[in-house]
Amino acid sequence: LEILKAQPLPVILAGDLNADPSSATIGILDSYFTRSCSTSDCPFTIPVINPRKTIDFIAYAPSGQFVVQLHRVVDEKYASDHLPVFAVFGVK
């Protein structure tokens, strides 16, 4: 977070963060980043069969730089043990 906060350009962070949305880790990231999904309703991403947990996220900073036009989890079960997350951003 300290490295990315010093970045003068807009930042998009995406990946398997291995943390539940209510975890302290995600809470720290939420203090600087805005998630592409609702902070209270991110779709499940793991396991690929009958997903029950969200640990994959896309987030951006600074908050006013982007507009989330679409966020979804892709129903693709072949490439990983996680479902892919897809987001489309517009620029304010």
PDB file of N, CA and C in Angstrom:
ATOM      1  N   LEU A   1       0.828  -1.192   0.000  1.00  0.00           N
ATOM      2  CA  LEU A   1       0.000   0.000   0.000  1.00  0.00           C
ATOM      3  C   LEU A   1       0.870   1.252   0.000  1.00  0.00           C
ATOM      4  N   GLU A   2       1.937   1.247   0.785  1.00  0.00           N
ATOM      5  CA  GLU A   2       2.817   2.420   0.832  1.00  0.00           C
ATOM      6  C   GLU A   2       3.448   2.701  -0.527  1.00  0.00           C
ATOM      7  N   ILE A   3       3.836   1.657  -1.256  1.00  0.00           N
ATOM      8  CA  ILE A   3       4.426   1.839  -2.584  1.00  0.00           C
ATOM      9  C   ILE A   3       3.392   2.414  -3.541  1.00  0.00           C
ATOM     10  N   LEU A   4       2.191   1.864  -3.540  1.00  0.00           N
ATOM     11  CA  LEU A   4       1.161   2.309  -4.480  1.00  0.00           C
ATOM     12  C   LEU A   4       0.622   3.691  -4.134  1.00  0.00           C
ATOM     13  N   LYS A   5       0.587   4.048  -2.861  1.00  0.00           N
ATOM     14  CA  LYS A   5       0.123   5.384  -2.486  1.00  0.00           C
ATOM     15  C   LYS A   5       1.049   6.465  -3.029  1.00  0.00           C
ATOM     16  N   ALA A   6       2.324   6.132  -3.211  1.00  0.00           N
ATOM     17  CA  ALA A   6       3.290   7.102  -3.723  1.00  0.00           C
ATOM     18  C   ALA A   6       3.233   7.234  -5.241  1.00  0.00           C
ATOM     19  N   GLN A   7       2.514   6.362  -5.905  1.00  0.00           N
ATOM     20  CA  GLN A   7       2.402   6.369  -7.365  1.00  0.00           C
ATOM     21  C   GLN A   7       1.602   7.600  -7.811  1.00  0.00           C
ATOM     22  N   PRO A   8       2.178   8.456  -8.663  1.00  0.00           N
ATOM     23  CA  PRO A   8       1.461   9.665  -9.090  1.00  0.00           C
ATOM     24  C   PRO A   8       0.372   9.390 -10.128  1.00  0.00           C
ATOM     25  N   LEU A   9       0.417   8.242 -10.798  1.00  0.00           N
ATOM     26  CA  LEU A   9      -0.570   7.901 -11.816  1.00  0.00           C
ATOM     27  C   LEU A   9      -1.687   7.051 -11.212  1.00  0.00           C
ATOM     28  N   PRO A  10      -2.843   6.988 -11.864  1.00  0.00           N
ATOM     29  CA  PRO A  10      -3.907   6.101 -11.390  1.00  0.00           C
ATOM     30  C   PRO A  10      -3.422   4.647 -11.355  1.00  0.00           C
ATOM     31  N   VAL A  11      -3.942   3.874 -10.409  1.00  0.00           N
ATOM     32  CA  VAL A  11      -3.520   2.487 -10.208  1.00  0.00           C
ATOM     33  C   VAL A  11      -4.736   1.572 -10.243  1.00  0.00           C
ATOM     34  N   ILE A  12      -4.604   0.444 -10.939  1.00  0.00           N
ATOM     35  CA  ILE A  12      -5.586  -0.633 -10.854  1.00  0.00           C
ATOM     36  C   ILE A  12      -4.861  -1.842 -10.290  1.00  0.00           C
ATOM     37  N   LEU A  13      -5.387  -2.390  -9.226  1.00  0.00           N
ATOM     38  CA  LEU A  13      -4.834  -3.564  -8.547  1.00  0.00           C
ATOM     39  C   LEU A  13      -5.818  -4.705  -8.730  1.00  0.00           C
ATOM     40  N   ALA A  14      -5.340  -5.848  -9.211  1.00  0.00           N
ATOM     41  CA  ALA A  14      -6.230  -6.981  -9.446  1.00  0.00           C
ATOM     42  C   ALA A  14      -5.519  -8.274  -9.099  1.00  0.00           C
ATOM     43  N   GLY A  15      -6.284  -9.215  -8.547  1.00  0.00           N
ATOM     44  CA  GLY A  15      -5.690 -10.524  -8.313  1.00  0.00           C
ATOM     45  C   GLY A  15      -6.336 -11.286  -7.182  1.00  0.00           C
ATOM     46  N   ASP A  16      -5.732 -12.431  -6.918  1.00  0.00           N
ATOM     47  CA  ASP A  16      -6.101 -13.304  -5.813  1.00  0.00           C
ATOM     48  C   ASP A  16      -5.440 -12.738  -4.568  1.00  0.00           C
ATOM     49  N   LEU A  17      -6.219 -12.134  -3.701  1.00  0.00           N
ATOM     50  CA  LEU A  17      -5.662 -11.503  -2.508  1.00  0.00           C
ATOM     51  C   LEU A  17      -5.725 -12.419  -1.283  1.00  0.00           C
ATOM     52  N   ASN A  18      -6.285 -13.618  -1.452  1.00  0.00           N
ATOM     53  CA  ASN A  18      -6.341 -14.612  -0.371  1.00  0.00           C
ATOM     54  C   ASN A  18      -6.888 -14.034   0.932  1.00  0.00           C
ATOM     55  N   ALA A  19      -7.894 -13.199   0.827  1.00  0.00           N
ATOM     56  CA  ALA A  19      -8.481 -12.585   2.016  1.00  0.00           C
ATOM     57  C   ALA A  19      -9.971 -12.356   1.782  1.00  0.00           C
ATOM     58  N   ASP A  20     -10.762 -12.632   2.804  1.00  0.00           N
ATOM     59  CA  ASP A  20     -12.209 -12.385   2.753  1.00  0.00           C
ATOM     60  C   ASP A  20     -12.476 -10.880   2.713  1.00  0.00           C
ATOM     61  N   PRO A  21     -13.618 -10.481   2.130  1.00  0.00           N
ATOM     62  CA  PRO A  21     -13.949  -9.050   2.091  1.00  0.00           C
ATOM     63  C   PRO A  21     -14.001  -8.387   3.471  1.00  0.00           C
ATOM     64  N   SER A  22     -14.305  -9.143   4.519  1.00  0.00           N
ATOM     65  CA  SER A  22     -14.399  -8.558   5.862  1.00  0.00           C
ATOM     66  C   SER A  22     -13.081  -8.635   6.641  1.00  0.00           C
ATOM     67  N   SER A  23     -12.007  -9.114   6.017  1.00  0.00           N
ATOM     68  CA  SER A  23     -10.726  -9.273   6.710  1.00  0.00           C
ATOM     69  C   SER A  23     -10.036  -7.928   6.940  1.00  0.00           C
ATOM     70  N   ALA A  24      -9.099  -7.934   7.873  1.00  0.00           N
ATOM     71  CA  ALA A  24      -8.307  -6.732   8.152  1.00  0.00           C
ATOM     72  C   ALA A  24      -7.494  -6.320   6.925  1.00  0.00           C
ATOM     73  N   THR A  25      -6.992  -7.295   6.184  1.00  0.00           N
ATOM     74  CA  THR A  25      -6.197  -7.009   4.986  1.00  0.00           C
ATOM     75  C   THR A  25      -7.005  -6.226   3.962  1.00  0.00           C
ATOM     76  N   ILE A  26      -8.204  -6.691   3.670  1.00  0.00           N
ATOM     77  CA  ILE A  26      -9.051  -5.989   2.700  1.00  0.00           C
ATOM     78  C   ILE A  26      -9.489  -4.639   3.275  1.00  0.00           C
ATOM     79  N   GLY A  27      -9.705  -4.567   4.565  1.00  0.00           N
ATOM     80  CA  GLY A  27     -10.036  -3.288   5.204  1.00  0.00           C
ATOM     81  C   GLY A  27      -8.943  -2.250   4.997  1.00  0.00           C
ATOM     82  N   ILE A  28      -7.694  -2.672   5.100  1.00  0.00           N
ATOM     83  CA  ILE A  28      -6.573  -1.758   4.871  1.00  0.00           C
ATOM     84  C   ILE A  28      -6.560  -1.307   3.405  1.00  0.00           C
ATOM     85  N   LEU A  29      -6.731  -2.256   2.485  1.00  0.00           N
ATOM     86  CA  LEU A  29      -6.773  -1.893   1.063  1.00  0.00           C
ATOM     87  C   LEU A  29      -7.950  -0.973   0.756  1.00  0.00           C
ATOM     88  N   ASP A  30      -9.103  -1.235   1.389  1.00  0.00           N
ATOM     89  CA  ASP A  30     -10.285  -0.381   1.175  1.00  0.00           C
ATOM     90  C   ASP A  30     -10.073   1.047   1.680  1.00  0.00           C
ATOM     91  N   SER A  31      -9.108   1.248   2.570  1.00  0.00           N
ATOM     92  CA  SER A  31      -8.852   2.602   3.066  1.00  0.00           C
ATOM     93  C   SER A  31      -8.231   3.483   1.974  1.00  0.00           C
ATOM     94  N   TYR A  32      -7.659   2.877   0.949  1.00  0.00           N
ATOM     95  CA  TYR A  32      -7.050   3.643  -0.135  1.00  0.00           C
ATOM     96  C   TYR A  32      -7.681   3.348  -1.497  1.00  0.00           C
ATOM     97  N   PHE A  33      -8.018   2.090  -1.736  1.00  0.00           N
ATOM     98  CA  PHE A  33      -8.580   1.665  -3.017  1.00  0.00           C
ATOM     99  C   PHE A  33     -10.100   1.565  -2.953  1.00  0.00           C
ATOM    100  N   THR A  34     -10.721   1.631  -4.121  1.00  0.00           N
ATOM    101  CA  THR A  34     -12.153   1.381  -4.265  1.00  0.00           C
ATOM    102  C   THR A  34     -12.296   0.109  -5.068  1.00  0.00           C
ATOM    103  N   ARG A  35     -13.074  -0.841  -4.561  1.00  0.00           N
ATOM    104  CA  ARG A  35     -13.275  -2.097  -5.286  1.00  0.00           C
ATOM    105  C   ARG A  35     -14.245  -1.904  -6.443  1.00  0.00           C
ATOM    106  N   SER A  36     -14.069  -2.708  -7.500  1.00  0.00           N
ATOM    107  CA  SER A  36     -14.964  -2.641  -8.651  1.00  0.00           C
ATOM    108  C   SER A  36     -16.322  -3.271  -8.348  1.00  0.00           C
ATOM    109  N   CYS A  37     -16.389  -4.104  -7.325  1.00  0.00           N
ATOM    110  CA  CYS A  37     -17.669  -4.651  -6.878  1.00  0.00           C
ATOM    111  C   CYS A  37     -18.095  -3.908  -5.616  1.00  0.00           C
ATOM    112  N   SER A  38     -19.338  -4.052  -5.268  1.00  0.00           N
ATOM    113  CA  SER A  38     -19.840  -3.416  -4.059  1.00  0.00           C
ATOM    114  C   SER A  38     -19.085  -3.958  -2.849  1.00  0.00           C
ATOM    115  N   THR A  39     -18.715  -3.094  -1.933  1.00  0.00           N
ATOM    116  CA  THR A  39     -17.970  -3.556  -0.758  1.00  0.00           C
ATOM    117  C   THR A  39     -18.769  -4.534   0.093  1.00  0.00           C
ATOM    118  N   SER A  40     -20.082  -4.578  -0.070  1.00  0.00           N
ATOM    119  CA  SER A  40     -20.894  -5.501   0.719  1.00  0.00           C
ATOM    120  C   SER A  40     -21.420  -6.688  -0.093  1.00  0.00           C
ATOM    121  N   ASP A  41     -21.138  -6.719  -1.409  1.00  0.00           N
ATOM    122  CA  ASP A  41     -21.745  -7.768  -2.234  1.00  0.00           C
ATOM    123  C   ASP A  41     -20.855  -8.177  -3.416  1.00  0.00           C
ATOM    124  N   CYS A  42     -19.603  -8.546  -3.144  1.00  0.00           N
ATOM    125  CA  CYS A  42     -18.732  -9.035  -4.209  1.00  0.00           C
ATOM    126  C   CYS A  42     -19.086 -10.493  -4.501  1.00  0.00           C
ATOM    127  N   PRO A  43     -19.262 -10.863  -5.777  1.00  0.00           N
ATOM    128  CA  PRO A  43     -19.627 -12.245  -6.104  1.00  0.00           C
ATOM    129  C   PRO A  43     -18.537 -13.239  -5.693  1.00  0.00           C
ATOM    130  N   PHE A  44     -18.955 -14.455  -5.409  1.00  0.00           N
ATOM    131  CA  PHE A  44     -18.027 -15.515  -5.006  1.00  0.00           C
ATOM    132  C   PHE A  44     -17.113 -15.915  -6.163  1.00  0.00           C
ATOM    133  N   THR A  45     -15.852 -16.275  -5.835  1.00  0.00           N
ATOM    134  CA  THR A  45     -14.862 -16.624  -6.858  1.00  0.00           C
ATOM    135  C   THR A  45     -14.171 -17.967  -6.632  1.00  0.00           C
ATOM    136  N   ILE A  46     -14.379 -18.582  -5.466  1.00  0.00           N
ATOM    137  CA  ILE A  46     -13.695 -19.831  -5.167  1.00  0.00           C
ATOM    138  C   ILE A  46     -14.570 -20.707  -4.291  1.00  0.00           C
ATOM    139  N   PRO A  47     -14.522 -22.010  -4.407  1.00  0.00           N
ATOM    140  CA  PRO A  47     -13.897 -22.792  -5.474  1.00  0.00           C
ATOM    141  C   PRO A  47     -14.700 -22.658  -6.773  1.00  0.00           C
ATOM    142  N   VAL A  48     -14.159 -23.147  -7.872  1.00  0.00           N
ATOM    143  CA  VAL A  48     -14.841 -22.982  -9.155  1.00  0.00           C
ATOM    144  C   VAL A  48     -16.146 -23.762  -9.217  1.00  0.00           C
ATOM    145  N   ILE A  49     -16.217 -24.871  -8.535  1.00  0.00           N
ATOM    146  CA  ILE A  49     -17.461 -25.642  -8.465  1.00  0.00           C
ATOM    147  C   ILE A  49     -18.179 -25.219  -7.189  1.00  0.00           C
ATOM    148  N   ASN A  50     -19.380 -24.691  -7.323  1.00  0.00           N
ATOM    149  CA  ASN A  50     -20.166 -24.186  -6.188  1.00  0.00           C
ATOM    150  C   ASN A  50     -19.392 -23.168  -5.345  1.00  0.00           C
ATOM    151  N   PRO A  51     -19.006 -22.041  -5.928  1.00  0.00           N
ATOM    152  CA  PRO A  51     -18.226 -21.037  -5.184  1.00  0.00           C
ATOM    153  C   PRO A  51     -18.975 -20.557  -3.941  1.00  0.00           C
ATOM    154  N   ARG A  52     -18.203 -20.382  -2.857  1.00  0.00           N
ATOM    155  CA  ARG A  52     -18.769 -19.974  -1.573  1.00  0.00           C
ATOM    156  C   ARG A  52     -18.003 -18.826  -0.915  1.00  0.00           C
ATOM    157  N   LYS A  53     -16.969 -18.353  -1.579  1.00  0.00           N
ATOM    158  CA  LYS A  53     -16.078 -17.385  -0.951  1.00  0.00           C
ATOM    159  C   LYS A  53     -15.548 -16.404  -1.998  1.00  0.00           C
ATOM    160  N   THR A  54     -15.276 -15.188  -1.572  1.00  0.00           N
ATOM    161  CA  THR A  54     -14.683 -14.166  -2.453  1.00  0.00           C
ATOM    162  C   THR A  54     -13.294 -13.832  -1.941  1.00  0.00           C
ATOM    163  N   ILE A  55     -12.273 -14.093  -2.779  1.00  0.00           N
ATOM    164  CA  ILE A  55     -10.902 -13.711  -2.416  1.00  0.00           C
ATOM    165  C   ILE A  55     -10.171 -13.059  -3.597  1.00  0.00           C
ATOM    166  N   ASP A  56     -10.873 -12.870  -4.708  1.00  0.00           N
ATOM    167  CA  ASP A  56     -10.284 -12.266  -5.905  1.00  0.00           C
ATOM    168  C   ASP A  56     -10.952 -10.913  -6.143  1.00  0.00           C
ATOM    169  N   PHE A  57     -10.141  -9.893  -6.325  1.00  0.00           N
ATOM    170  CA  PHE A  57     -10.679  -8.536  -6.389  1.00  0.00           C
ATOM    171  C   PHE A  57     -10.010  -7.715  -7.488  1.00  0.00           C
ATOM    172  N   ILE A  58     -10.713  -6.687  -7.919  1.00  0.00           N
ATOM    173  CA  ILE A  58     -10.167  -5.620  -8.748  1.00  0.00           C
ATOM    174  C   ILE A  58     -10.475  -4.324  -8.008  1.00  0.00           C
ATOM    175  N   ALA A  59      -9.454  -3.485  -7.856  1.00  0.00           N
ATOM    176  CA  ALA A  59      -9.637  -2.227  -7.128  1.00  0.00           C
ATOM    177  C   ALA A  59      -8.837  -1.127  -7.819  1.00  0.00           C
ATOM    178  N   TYR A  60      -9.206   0.121  -7.537  1.00  0.00           N
ATOM    179  CA  TYR A  60      -8.547   1.247  -8.208  1.00  0.00           C
ATOM    180  C   TYR A  60      -8.368   2.418  -7.253  1.00  0.00           C
ATOM    181  N   ALA A  61      -7.414   3.276  -7.611  1.00  0.00           N
ATOM    182  CA  ALA A  61      -7.152   4.500  -6.864  1.00  0.00           C
ATOM    183  C   ALA A  61      -6.554   5.522  -7.827  1.00  0.00           C
ATOM    184  N   PRO A  62      -6.754   6.783  -7.668  1.00  0.00           N
ATOM    185  CA  PRO A  62      -7.620   7.394  -6.667  1.00  0.00           C
ATOM    186  C   PRO A  62      -9.096   7.174  -6.982  1.00  0.00           C
ATOM    187  N   SER A  63      -9.903   7.335  -5.966  1.00  0.00           N
ATOM    188  CA  SER A  63     -11.315   6.986  -6.045  1.00  0.00           C
ATOM    189  C   SER A  63     -12.083   7.733  -7.128  1.00  0.00           C
ATOM    190  N   GLY A  64     -11.812   8.976  -7.357  1.00  0.00           N
ATOM    191  CA  GLY A  64     -12.578   9.750  -8.324  1.00  0.00           C
ATOM    192  C   GLY A  64     -12.119   9.617  -9.771  1.00  0.00           C
ATOM    193  N   GLN A  65     -11.107   8.816 -10.030  1.00  0.00           N
ATOM    194  CA  GLN A  65     -10.510   8.738 -11.357  1.00  0.00           C
ATOM    195  C   GLN A  65     -11.308   7.872 -12.332  1.00  0.00           C
ATOM    196  N   PHE A  66     -11.914   6.794 -11.859  1.00  0.00           N
ATOM    197  CA  PHE A  66     -12.587   5.832 -12.719  1.00  0.00           C
ATOM    198  C   PHE A  66     -14.068   5.697 -12.371  1.00  0.00           C
ATOM    199  N   VAL A  67     -14.827   5.201 -13.339  1.00  0.00           N
ATOM    200  CA  VAL A  67     -16.225   4.829 -13.126  1.00  0.00           C
ATOM    201  C   VAL A  67     -16.337   3.354 -13.507  1.00  0.00           C
ATOM    202  N   VAL A  68     -16.869   2.537 -12.609  1.00  0.00           N
ATOM    203  CA  VAL A  68     -17.050   1.119 -12.907  1.00  0.00           C
ATOM    204  C   VAL A  68     -18.296   0.979 -13.770  1.00  0.00           C
ATOM    205  N   GLN A  69     -18.111   0.499 -14.982  1.00  0.00           N
ATOM    206  CA  GLN A  69     -19.232   0.296 -15.887  1.00  0.00           C
ATOM    207  C   GLN A  69     -19.777  -1.118 -15.787  1.00  0.00           C
ATOM    208  N   LEU A  70     -18.920  -2.074 -15.421  1.00  0.00           N
ATOM    209  CA  LEU A  70     -19.337  -3.468 -15.324  1.00  0.00           C
ATOM    210  C   LEU A  70     -18.377  -4.223 -14.421  1.00  0.00           C
ATOM    211  N   HIS A  71     -18.920  -5.059 -13.555  1.00  0.00           N
ATOM    212  CA  HIS A  71     -18.122  -5.990 -12.742  1.00  0.00           C
ATOM    213  C   HIS A  71     -18.858  -7.311 -12.747  1.00  0.00           C
ATOM    214  N   ARG A  72     -18.141  -8.382 -13.086  1.00  0.00           N
ATOM    215  CA  ARG A  72     -18.772  -9.695 -13.022  1.00  0.00           C
ATOM    216  C   ARG A  72     -17.719 -10.769 -12.838  1.00  0.00           C
ATOM    217  N   VAL A  73     -18.182 -11.906 -12.359  1.00  0.00           N
ATOM    218  CA  VAL A  73     -17.358 -13.101 -12.253  1.00  0.00           C
ATOM    219  C   VAL A  73     -17.722 -13.981 -13.437  1.00  0.00           C
ATOM    220  N   VAL A  74     -16.711 -14.441 -14.159  1.00  0.00           N
ATOM    221  CA  VAL A  74     -16.906 -15.230 -15.370  1.00  0.00           C
ATOM    222  C   VAL A  74     -17.036 -16.706 -15.005  1.00  0.00           C
ATOM    223  N   ASP A  75     -18.046 -17.357 -15.549  1.00  0.00           N
ATOM    224  CA  ASP A  75     -18.275 -18.779 -15.270  1.00  0.00           C
ATOM    225  C   ASP A  75     -17.367 -19.624 -16.169  1.00  0.00           C
ATOM    226  N   GLU A  76     -16.072 -19.648 -15.833  1.00  0.00           N
ATOM    227  CA  GLU A  76     -15.059 -20.382 -16.591  1.00  0.00           C
ATOM    228  C   GLU A  76     -14.308 -21.268 -15.608  1.00  0.00           C
ATOM    229  N   LYS A  77     -14.435 -22.571 -15.749  1.00  0.00           N
ATOM    230  CA  LYS A  77     -13.943 -23.501 -14.735  1.00  0.00           C
ATOM    231  C   LYS A  77     -12.692 -24.272 -15.138  1.00  0.00           C
ATOM    232  N   TYR A  78     -12.091 -23.970 -16.277  1.00  0.00           N
ATOM    233  CA  TYR A  78     -10.997 -24.789 -16.773  1.00  0.00           C
ATOM    234  C   TYR A  78      -9.612 -24.301 -16.345  1.00  0.00           C
ATOM    235  N   ALA A  79      -9.351 -23.021 -16.418  1.00  0.00           N
ATOM    236  CA  ALA A  79      -7.993 -22.489 -16.312  1.00  0.00           C
ATOM    237  C   ALA A  79      -7.445 -22.376 -14.895  1.00  0.00           C
ATOM    238  N   SER A  80      -8.313 -22.372 -13.896  1.00  0.00           N
ATOM    239  CA  SER A  80      -7.845 -22.101 -12.534  1.00  0.00           C
ATOM    240  C   SER A  80      -8.788 -22.720 -11.514  1.00  0.00           C
ATOM    241  N   ASP A  81      -8.353 -22.703 -10.254  1.00  0.00           N
ATOM    242  CA  ASP A  81      -9.242 -23.112  -9.170  1.00  0.00           C
ATOM    243  C   ASP A  81     -10.088 -21.933  -8.675  1.00  0.00           C
ATOM    244  N   HIS A  82      -9.931 -20.782  -9.326  1.00  0.00           N
ATOM    245  CA  HIS A  82     -10.720 -19.583  -9.040  1.00  0.00           C
ATOM    246  C   HIS A  82     -11.509 -19.215 -10.291  1.00  0.00           C
ATOM    247  N   LEU A  83     -12.670 -18.607 -10.094  1.00  0.00           N
ATOM    248  CA  LEU A  83     -13.403 -18.041 -11.231  1.00  0.00           C
ATOM    249  C   LEU A  83     -12.786 -16.686 -11.564  1.00  0.00           C
ATOM    250  N   PRO A  84     -12.621 -16.367 -12.851  1.00  0.00           N
ATOM    251  CA  PRO A  84     -12.052 -15.072 -13.228  1.00  0.00           C
ATOM    252  C   PRO A  84     -12.991 -13.910 -12.893  1.00  0.00           C
ATOM    253  N   VAL A  85     -12.394 -12.789 -12.569  1.00  0.00           N
ATOM    254  CA  VAL A  85     -13.119 -11.553 -12.296  1.00  0.00           C
ATOM    255  C   VAL A  85     -12.875 -10.609 -13.473  1.00  0.00           C
ATOM    256  N   PHE A  86     -13.937  -9.946 -13.918  1.00  0.00           N
ATOM    257  CA  PHE A  86     -13.874  -9.072 -15.094  1.00  0.00           C
ATOM    258  C   PHE A  86     -14.492  -7.735 -14.731  1.00  0.00           C
ATOM    259  N   ALA A  87     -13.820  -6.647 -15.098  1.00  0.00           N
ATOM    260  CA  ALA A  87     -14.373  -5.319 -14.859  1.00  0.00           C
ATOM    261  C   ALA A  87     -14.090  -4.422 -16.060  1.00  0.00           C
ATOM    262  N   VAL A  88     -15.017  -3.519 -16.331  1.00  0.00           N
ATOM    263  CA  VAL A  88     -14.852  -2.505 -17.366  1.00  0.00           C
ATOM    264  C   VAL A  88     -14.912  -1.152 -16.659  1.00  0.00           C
ATOM    265  N   PHE A  89     -13.913  -0.321 -16.928  1.00  0.00           N
ATOM    266  CA  PHE A  89     -13.832   1.005 -16.326  1.00  0.00           C
ATOM    267  C   PHE A  89     -13.975   2.088 -17.385  1.00  0.00           C
ATOM    268  N   GLY A  90     -14.610   3.167 -17.005  1.00  0.00           N
ATOM    269  CA  GLY A  90     -14.612   4.384 -17.797  1.00  0.00           C
ATOM    270  C   GLY A  90     -13.800   5.417 -17.020  1.00  0.00           C
ATOM    271  N   VAL A  91     -13.454   6.499 -17.671  1.00  0.00           N
ATOM    272  CA  VAL A  91     -12.699   7.560 -17.030  1.00  0.00           C
ATOM    273  C   VAL A  91     -13.630   8.732 -16.778  1.00  0.00           C
ATOM    274  N   LYS A  92     -13.566   9.296 -15.584  1.00  0.00           N
ATOM    275  CA  LYS A  92     -14.397  10.461 -15.254  1.00  0.00           C
ATOM    276  C   LYS A  92     -13.898  11.680 -15.979  1.00  0.00           C
TER     277      LYS A  92
END
